[in-house]
Amino acid sequence: METLAVCSPNFKHSKSCIKFFETKISGQEVSFGFIKTIDPPKLGDGDEKMVIFKILAFSANYRDKSAILSFKDTCKEKMDQEAYYYYPFGSDFVCEVIMTGSGVPELRPGDRVICDGSYPFKIDGSFGGLPTNCASQRYQKLPYAYLKKISDTIPTEVAAAFTISGQTAYSIVRKLDPRKGQTILVTAGSSNTSLAVINALRKYDVDIFALSQRSDIKEKLIEQGVKEVYSLDDLLNPEIINVKFDAVVDPFYDLHLARTVRLIKNGGKYISCGMYQQNKYYDKISSPEDNLSAIFNHCIINNISLIGNCLGNSDDLQNALSDYESGVFNIVIDSVYKIQEAEKFVAKTFHNEPRFGKVVFSYV
């Protein structure tokens, strides 16, 4: 089997690289290859709670873009030392269980499983978070508490894109505690997290608004349940935005906090799960620190709650899965690619081509 990975450029002439290509991400040349992988790991002493599995499909998220740019630098350094180096990437996956330790409950060979990113703690009480930045690695071994068995009714491409968006969205909505008739603004309308939040909010009797710079997706957002779509320029025009919001959901606080907090009602909520400026290669933006005093003064005077959100808990993931199976919630899928289309997968995943929804790579 082979693994799609970021690799050092010298893999281009290596027999262990089945397919090699280069593409630019944030202006940086990055090398990718399908690298022949070793046999599955084995269970050893002390592995009673471990699971060995085979990746069926995976997808990457916004933080993976930053990781890939860092991997690229490491790959170049290793090549300069006349070494071959590769690094798998991706954080979301669906896999098939190959073998389980004697202390693993429920999971058995042949089961389909996704990752459980429960944070801050896992179901067994251990410290949580995402289990891997290397989801494209074909064979892997993880503790069972990082994994969640799924129904056969969930398509492979949806399962490969489910955990981070679904678990995060349901955690955010739980903290929002939406009430009938409320107005909620979701920024970065085309981001995967925002699309999941919009989907998760649809079962509540609330008015959903979205913020996006892409005019080409306005109708698609409305189809997802959004009442109205605004641009960043609209934020400065009170004649266009003549409504105050009970809450703002923002995946990128460093882009939108300073611009949106003044639009929140007295007693409202602002919740963010991340930042844009995660890597030195990204375009520079003005920092919200420049407006920190004005932001906090406004929040204090208007009783606005600033809430942080990192992933979610096991119940959030289970609730997202249950709502998906009952038709209440959905993960928007843009496209699915296979080995012969790997370059298109990378280009669309990392914003070289426009997309609407998750981009999935399938090994099967």
Foldseek 3Di string as FASTA:
>chain_A
DWFKWFKAPVCVPPPQFPDKDWDDFLNDITIITTGNDDDADDDDPPQQQKWKWFFFKAFAAPVQSQVRVVVRVVRNVQVVVVHIDIAAFGQKTKIFTCDHHNNHPPDDGGFIKIFAQAPCAFPVGHGGGGPDRRSRPGMDMDGCSGIDTADPVDDRQQRNVPAQLQQQLLQVCVVQVDAAAFEEEEEPCQHQNNLQNLLVCVVHNYAYEYEHPDPVCQVVSVVSPHPYYHYLVVLVPCVNVVAAGLEYEYQACQVPLVSRLVRHAQLHEYEYEYHNPPHPSHDDDDGCVVVVVVSVVSCVVRVYYYYYTHGHHPVSSVVSSVCVVVVSGGFDEFEEEEDVCVVVLVCDSSPVDDTRTTYMYGDD
